[in-house]
Amino acid sequence: MPNILVISGSTRAASTNGLFIQAISKLVGDHAVMTNYPSVADLPHSAAHLIVLRNNPDLDVEPAPPAVAHFRELLGKAGGVLICTPEYAMGVPGSLKNALDWTVSGADFR
């Protein structure tokens, strides 16, 4: 049975995206294991770190912050990823972009 990591790009507790995720999870039923990532807001936001990731992923050192290590572990175990996110200023929210940035230099994702 596939393991799907589900990520909401919204940081609002009662977001429409969260409702979509709940509906999708009900529709999937027993066909897959849906693992919800708690919140992209839990990942550390560091402008300095994001600059490092964008310019030189080799500078992202281990051990990663605990929230990042957990996020990477869940991604590594997932057979697929479902991202449900709001549009923000004609793009993705910064918190989701931050989460994606944390995958750039993970050894499992190169």
Protein backbone atom coordinates (compact mmCIF):
# COMPACT_ATOMS: atom_id res chain seq x y z
CA MET A 1 0.00 0.00 0.00
CA PRO A 2 1.53 3.36 -0.99
CA ASN A 3 2.54 5.86 1.67
CA ILE A 4 1.64 9.41 0.62
CA LEU A 5 3.08 12.38 2.48
CA VAL A 6 0.47 15.15 2.51
CA ILE A 7 1.65 18.74 2.86
CA SER A 8 -0.57 21.77 3.26
CA GLY A 9 1.00 24.99 2.03
CA SER A 10 -1.32 26.97 4.27
CA THR A 11 -0.34 27.81 7.82
CA ARG A 12 -3.95 28.51 8.89
CA ALA A 13 -5.39 25.85 11.19
CA ALA A 14 -8.83 26.05 9.54
CA SER A 15 -7.73 26.52 5.93
CA THR A 16 -9.64 25.41 2.88
CA ASN A 17 -6.55 23.44 1.88
CA GLY A 18 -6.83 21.46 5.10
CA LEU A 19 -10.44 20.67 4.23
CA PHE A 20 -9.39 19.51 0.76
CA ILE A 21 -6.78 17.25 2.34
CA GLN A 22 -9.38 15.75 4.69
CA ALA A 23 -11.73 15.11 1.76
CA ILE A 24 -8.97 13.53 -0.35
CA SER A 25 -7.92 11.33 2.58
CA LYS A 26 -11.51 10.09 2.96
CA LEU A 27 -11.76 9.37 -0.76
CA VAL A 28 -8.47 7.45 -0.74
CA GLY A 29 -9.72 5.31 2.14
CA ASP A 30 -7.80 2.05 2.44
CA HIS A 31 -6.00 2.43 -0.91
CA ALA A 32 -3.05 4.35 0.58
CA VAL A 33 -1.61 5.49 3.88
CA MET A 34 -1.93 9.27 4.06
CA THR A 35 0.68 10.82 6.38
CA ASN A 36 -0.10 14.46 7.11
CA TYR A 37 2.87 16.73 7.75
CA PRO A 38 1.81 18.84 10.74
CA SER A 39 2.67 22.31 9.38
CA VAL A 40 5.23 23.86 7.08
CA ALA A 41 5.31 26.64 9.67
CA ASP A 42 7.13 24.21 12.00
CA LEU A 43 10.23 24.30 9.80
CA PRO A 44 12.75 26.96 10.79
CA HIS A 45 12.68 30.11 8.71
CA SER A 46 16.08 31.61 8.33
CA ALA A 47 16.81 34.17 5.63
CA ALA A 48 20.53 33.48 5.99
CA HIS A 49 19.99 29.74 5.61
CA LEU A 50 17.78 30.20 2.56
CA ILE A 51 20.49 32.30 0.92
CA VAL A 52 22.99 29.52 1.63
CA LEU A 53 20.67 26.90 0.14
CA ARG A 54 20.05 28.91 -3.00
CA ASN A 55 23.69 29.74 -3.59
CA ASN A 56 25.56 26.69 -2.31
CA PRO A 57 23.76 23.60 -1.00
CA ASP A 58 27.13 22.16 0.11
CA LEU A 59 27.04 24.62 3.01
CA ASP A 60 23.94 23.02 4.53
CA VAL A 61 25.64 21.04 7.30
CA GLU A 62 24.55 18.06 9.35
CA PRO A 63 22.95 17.57 11.71
CA ALA A 64 19.97 19.42 10.32
CA PRO A 65 17.60 21.10 12.78
CA PRO A 66 15.26 18.47 14.30
CA ALA A 67 12.16 19.69 12.42
CA VAL A 68 14.09 19.56 9.14
CA ALA A 69 15.47 16.08 9.88
CA HIS A 70 11.93 14.84 10.61
CA PHE A 71 10.58 16.44 7.41
CA ARG A 72 13.35 14.84 5.35
CA GLU A 73 12.73 11.47 7.02
CA LEU A 74 9.02 11.58 6.14
CA LEU A 75 9.86 12.54 2.56
CA GLY A 76 12.34 9.69 2.32
CA LYS A 77 9.74 7.14 3.44
CA ALA A 78 7.00 8.48 1.17
CA GLY A 79 6.09 6.78 -2.07
CA GLY A 80 4.46 10.02 -3.21
CA VAL A 81 3.76 13.56 -2.08
CA LEU A 82 0.49 15.48 -2.26
CA ILE A 83 0.79 19.24 -1.83
CA CYS A 84 -2.36 21.28 -1.39
CA THR A 85 -1.58 24.98 -1.24
CA PRO A 86 -3.14 28.37 -1.68
CA GLU A 87 -1.95 30.78 -4.32
CA TYR A 88 -0.07 33.67 -2.79
CA ALA A 89 0.92 36.73 -4.84
CA MET A 90 0.77 34.61 -8.03
CA GLY A 91 3.09 31.99 -6.52
CA VAL A 92 3.39 29.60 -3.60
CA PRO A 93 3.42 30.82 0.01
CA GLY A 94 6.86 31.52 1.45
CA SER A 95 6.43 28.83 4.12
CA LEU A 96 5.94 26.17 1.42
CA LYS A 97 8.90 27.52 -0.58
CA ASN A 98 10.95 27.31 2.62
CA ALA A 99 9.93 23.64 3.03
CA LEU A 100 10.93 22.90 -0.55
CA ASP A 101 14.25 24.71 -0.02
CA TRP A 102 15.05 22.34 2.84
CA THR A 103 14.97 19.43 0.38
CA VAL A 104 17.60 20.93 -1.93
CA SER A 105 20.67 19.79 -0.07
CA GLY A 106 19.38 16.67 1.66
CA ALA A 107 21.58 13.76 0.63
CA ASP A 108 18.51 11.65 -0.17
CA PHE A 109 17.18 14.20 -2.65
CA ARG A 110 20.24 15.03 -4.79
